[in-house]
């Protein structure tokens, strides 16, 4: 197969939704710039990959566009938001657990006082 035929075969590759999601996940974990990632063997072209990240290739319902990606990380604005929400929720839960421990300690103190008063 000549170089021209090889290039045409690569350019004509169709990716399933699962392959797209796997490549996007691989890119997000790689930490590489999108241009560098797309230059790796077996990866889609920059233009195609950018459309996947931005959601431009998905059918539009009511003409809305999905959030765009940051250029270096490949994380969509929604993914960034969800990551901050997860961190905020985790911090909230830690605070609630600390408050419950404080309340439990106070209740245990009351129990000890009552038991001591009954033992007298």
C-alpha atoms as a PDB file:
ATOM      1  CA  UNK A   1       0.000   0.000   0.000  1.00  0.00           C
ATOM      2  CA  UNK A   2       1.463   3.393  -0.942  1.00  0.00           C
ATOM      3  CA  UNK A   3       1.790   6.348   1.439  1.00  0.00           C
ATOM      4  CA  UNK A   4      -1.113   8.086  -0.300  1.00  0.00           C
ATOM      5  CA  UNK A   5      -3.387   5.070   0.158  1.00  0.00           C
ATOM      6  CA  UNK A   6      -2.346   4.727   3.806  1.00  0.00           C
ATOM      7  CA  UNK A   7      -3.110   8.379   4.464  1.00  0.00           C
ATOM      8  CA  UNK A   8      -6.496   8.111   2.759  1.00  0.00           C
ATOM      9  CA  UNK A   9      -7.332   5.010   4.793  1.00  0.00           C
ATOM     10  CA  UNK A  10      -6.480   6.824   8.040  1.00  0.00           C
ATOM     11  CA  UNK A  11      -8.408   9.938   7.026  1.00  0.00           C
ATOM     12  CA  UNK A  12     -11.448   7.838   6.133  1.00  0.00           C
ATOM     13  CA  UNK A  13     -11.634   6.026   9.502  1.00  0.00           C
ATOM     14  CA  UNK A  14     -15.022   6.102  11.148  1.00  0.00           C
ATOM     15  CA  UNK A  15     -15.051   6.025  14.935  1.00  0.00           C
ATOM     16  CA  UNK A  16     -17.827   4.531  17.021  1.00  0.00           C
ATOM     17  CA  UNK A  17     -19.190   6.518  19.944  1.00  0.00           C
ATOM     18  CA  UNK A  18     -17.323   4.183  22.312  1.00  0.00           C
ATOM     19  CA  UNK A  19     -14.040   4.776  20.447  1.00  0.00           C
ATOM     20  CA  UNK A  20     -14.601   8.525  20.592  1.00  0.00           C
ATOM     21  CA  UNK A  21     -15.281   8.441  24.323  1.00  0.00           C
ATOM     22  CA  UNK A  22     -12.217   6.254  24.914  1.00  0.00           C
ATOM     23  CA  UNK A  23      -9.985   8.616  22.916  1.00  0.00           C
ATOM     24  CA  UNK A  24     -11.350  11.664  24.733  1.00  0.00           C
ATOM     25  CA  UNK A  25     -10.764   9.956  28.089  1.00  0.00           C
ATOM     26  CA  UNK A  26      -7.236   8.989  27.000  1.00  0.00           C
ATOM     27  CA  UNK A  27      -6.586  12.575  25.957  1.00  0.00           C
ATOM     28  CA  UNK A  28      -7.908  13.960  29.264  1.00  0.00           C
ATOM     29  CA  UNK A  29      -5.609  11.633  31.199  1.00  0.00           C
ATOM     30  CA  UNK A  30      -2.598  12.295  28.978  1.00  0.00           C
ATOM     31  CA  UNK A  31      -2.133  15.939  29.924  1.00  0.00           C
ATOM     32  CA  UNK A  32      -0.859  16.532  26.391  1.00  0.00           C
ATOM     33  CA  UNK A  33      -1.847  19.478  24.263  1.00  0.00           C
ATOM     34  CA  UNK A  34      -4.531  18.575  21.755  1.00  0.00           C
ATOM     35  CA  UNK A  35      -2.195  19.181  18.799  1.00  0.00           C
ATOM     36  CA  UNK A  36       0.456  16.851  20.237  1.00  0.00           C
ATOM     37  CA  UNK A  37      -2.119  14.198  21.102  1.00  0.00           C
ATOM     38  CA  UNK A  38      -3.589  14.226  17.598  1.00  0.00           C
ATOM     39  CA  UNK A  39      -0.128  13.813  16.046  1.00  0.00           C
ATOM     40  CA  UNK A  40       0.313  10.472  17.834  1.00  0.00           C
ATOM     41  CA  UNK A  41      -0.137   7.350  15.669  1.00  0.00           C
ATOM     42  CA  UNK A  42      -3.687   6.067  15.458  1.00  0.00           C
ATOM     43  CA  UNK A  43      -5.259   9.294  16.697  1.00  0.00           C
ATOM     44  CA  UNK A  44      -7.835  11.341  14.770  1.00  0.00           C
ATOM     45  CA  UNK A  45      -6.968  14.599  13.072  1.00  0.00           C
ATOM     46  CA  UNK A  46      -6.947  17.755  15.169  1.00  0.00           C
ATOM     47  CA  UNK A  47     -10.011  19.138  13.372  1.00  0.00           C
ATOM     48  CA  UNK A  48     -12.051  15.972  13.882  1.00  0.00           C
ATOM     49  CA  UNK A  49     -10.962  15.577  17.505  1.00  0.00           C
ATOM     50  CA  UNK A  50     -11.721  19.226  18.305  1.00  0.00           C
ATOM     51  CA  UNK A  51     -15.245  18.742  16.950  1.00  0.00           C
ATOM     52  CA  UNK A  52     -15.697  15.739  19.228  1.00  0.00           C
ATOM     53  CA  UNK A  53     -14.490  17.697  22.255  1.00  0.00           C
ATOM     54  CA  UNK A  54     -16.677  20.686  21.463  1.00  0.00           C
ATOM     55  CA  UNK A  55     -19.647  18.529  20.554  1.00  0.00           C
ATOM     56  CA  UNK A  56     -19.958  20.029  17.064  1.00  0.00           C
ATOM     57  CA  UNK A  57     -20.425  16.612  15.448  1.00  0.00           C
ATOM     58  CA  UNK A  58     -23.434  15.697  17.578  1.00  0.00           C
ATOM     59  CA  UNK A  59     -26.944  16.339  16.268  1.00  0.00           C
ATOM     60  CA  UNK A  60     -28.236  19.644  17.555  1.00  0.00           C
ATOM     61  CA  UNK A  61     -31.538  19.744  19.374  1.00  0.00           C
ATOM     62  CA  UNK A  62     -33.055  23.218  19.037  1.00  0.00           C
ATOM     63  CA  UNK A  63     -29.824  24.634  17.609  1.00  0.00           C
ATOM     64  CA  UNK A  64     -27.931  24.761  20.908  1.00  0.00           C
ATOM     65  CA  UNK A  65     -24.205  24.140  21.082  1.00  0.00           C
ATOM     66  CA  UNK A  66     -22.568  22.218  23.891  1.00  0.00           C
ATOM     67  CA  UNK A  67     -19.912  23.880  25.991  1.00  0.00           C
ATOM     68  CA  UNK A  68     -16.513  24.349  24.391  1.00  0.00           C
ATOM     69  CA  UNK A  69     -13.294  22.782  25.617  1.00  0.00           C
ATOM     70  CA  UNK A  70     -10.270  24.431  27.089  1.00  0.00           C
ATOM     71  CA  UNK A  71      -7.428  24.219  24.601  1.00  0.00           C
ATOM     72  CA  UNK A  72      -4.770  22.520  26.754  1.00  0.00           C
ATOM     73  CA  UNK A  73      -6.583  20.027  28.930  1.00  0.00           C
ATOM     74  CA  UNK A  74      -9.445  18.877  26.779  1.00  0.00           C
ATOM     75  CA  UNK A  75     -11.846  19.169  29.681  1.00  0.00           C
ATOM     76  CA  UNK A  76     -15.175  20.658  28.758  1.00  0.00           C
ATOM     77  CA  UNK A  77     -16.518  23.477  30.843  1.00  0.00           C
ATOM     78  CA  UNK A  78     -19.131  21.065  32.147  1.00  0.00           C
ATOM     79  CA  UNK A  79     -16.432  18.594  33.257  1.00  0.00           C
ATOM     80  CA  UNK A  80     -14.560  21.405  35.018  1.00  0.00           C
ATOM     81  CA  UNK A  81     -17.761  22.494  36.741  1.00  0.00           C
ATOM     82  CA  UNK A  82     -18.578  18.943  37.789  1.00  0.00           C
ATOM     83  CA  UNK A  83     -15.056  18.515  39.189  1.00  0.00           C
ATOM     84  CA  UNK A  84     -15.428  21.659  41.307  1.00  0.00           C
ATOM     85  CA  UNK A  85     -18.874  20.511  42.410  1.00  0.00           C
ATOM     86  CA  UNK A  86     -17.494  17.121  43.455  1.00  0.00           C
ATOM     87  CA  UNK A  87     -14.782  18.832  45.507  1.00  0.00           C
ATOM     88  CA  UNK A  88     -17.295  21.193  47.094  1.00  0.00           C
ATOM     89  CA  UNK A  89     -19.593  18.280  47.931  1.00  0.00           C
ATOM     90  CA  UNK A  90     -16.712  16.321  49.459  1.00  0.00           C
ATOM     91  CA  UNK A  91     -15.757  19.314  51.616  1.00  0.00           C
ATOM     92  CA  UNK A  92     -19.398  19.733  52.637  1.00  0.00           C
ATOM     93  CA  UNK A  93     -19.609  16.075  53.686  1.00  0.00           C
ATOM     94  CA  UNK A  94     -16.382  16.364  55.688  1.00  0.00           C
ATOM     95  CA  UNK A  95     -17.815  19.381  57.504  1.00  0.00           C
ATOM     96  CA  UNK A  96     -21.065  17.555  58.225  1.00  0.00           C
ATOM     97  CA  UNK A  97     -19.136  14.527  59.550  1.00  0.00           C
ATOM     98  CA  UNK A  98     -17.081  16.789  61.831  1.00  0.00           C
ATOM     99  CA  UNK A  99     -20.250  18.420  63.141  1.00  0.00           C
ATOM    100  CA  UNK A 100     -21.821  15.013  63.794  1.00  0.00           C
ATOM    101  CA  UNK A 101     -18.698  13.896  65.678  1.00  0.00           C
ATOM    102  CA  UNK A 102     -18.963  17.009  67.847  1.00  0.00           C
ATOM    103  CA  UNK A 103     -22.638  16.326  68.538  1.00  0.00           C
ATOM    104  CA  UNK A 104     -21.906  12.666  69.311  1.00  0.00           C
ATOM    105  CA  UNK A 105     -19.157  13.681  71.711  1.00  0.00           C
ATOM    106  CA  UNK A 106     -21.537  16.053  73.492  1.00  0.00           C
ATOM    107  CA  UNK A 107     -24.199  13.338  73.768  1.00  0.00           C
ATOM    108  CA  UNK A 108     -21.650  10.841  75.123  1.00  0.00           C
ATOM    109  CA  UNK A 109     -20.640  13.459  77.710  1.00  0.00           C
ATOM    110  CA  UNK A 110     -24.267  13.839  78.793  1.00  0.00           C
ATOM    111  CA  UNK A 111     -24.605  10.053  79.069  1.00  0.00           C
ATOM    112  CA  UNK A 112     -21.515   9.878  81.280  1.00  0.00           C
ATOM    113  CA  UNK A 113     -22.877  12.655  83.534  1.00  0.00           C
ATOM    114  CA  UNK A 114     -26.244  10.886  83.892  1.00  0.00           C
ATOM    115  CA  UNK A 115     -24.587   7.535  84.608  1.00  0.00           C
ATOM    116  CA  UNK A 116     -22.337   9.147  87.197  1.00  0.00           C
ATOM    117  CA  UNK A 117     -25.326  10.859  88.840  1.00  0.00           C
ATOM    118  CA  UNK A 118     -27.219   7.539  88.995  1.00  0.00           C
ATOM    119  CA  UNK A 119     -24.194   5.790  90.508  1.00  0.00           C
ATOM    120  CA  UNK A 120     -24.048   8.195  93.467  1.00  0.00           C
END
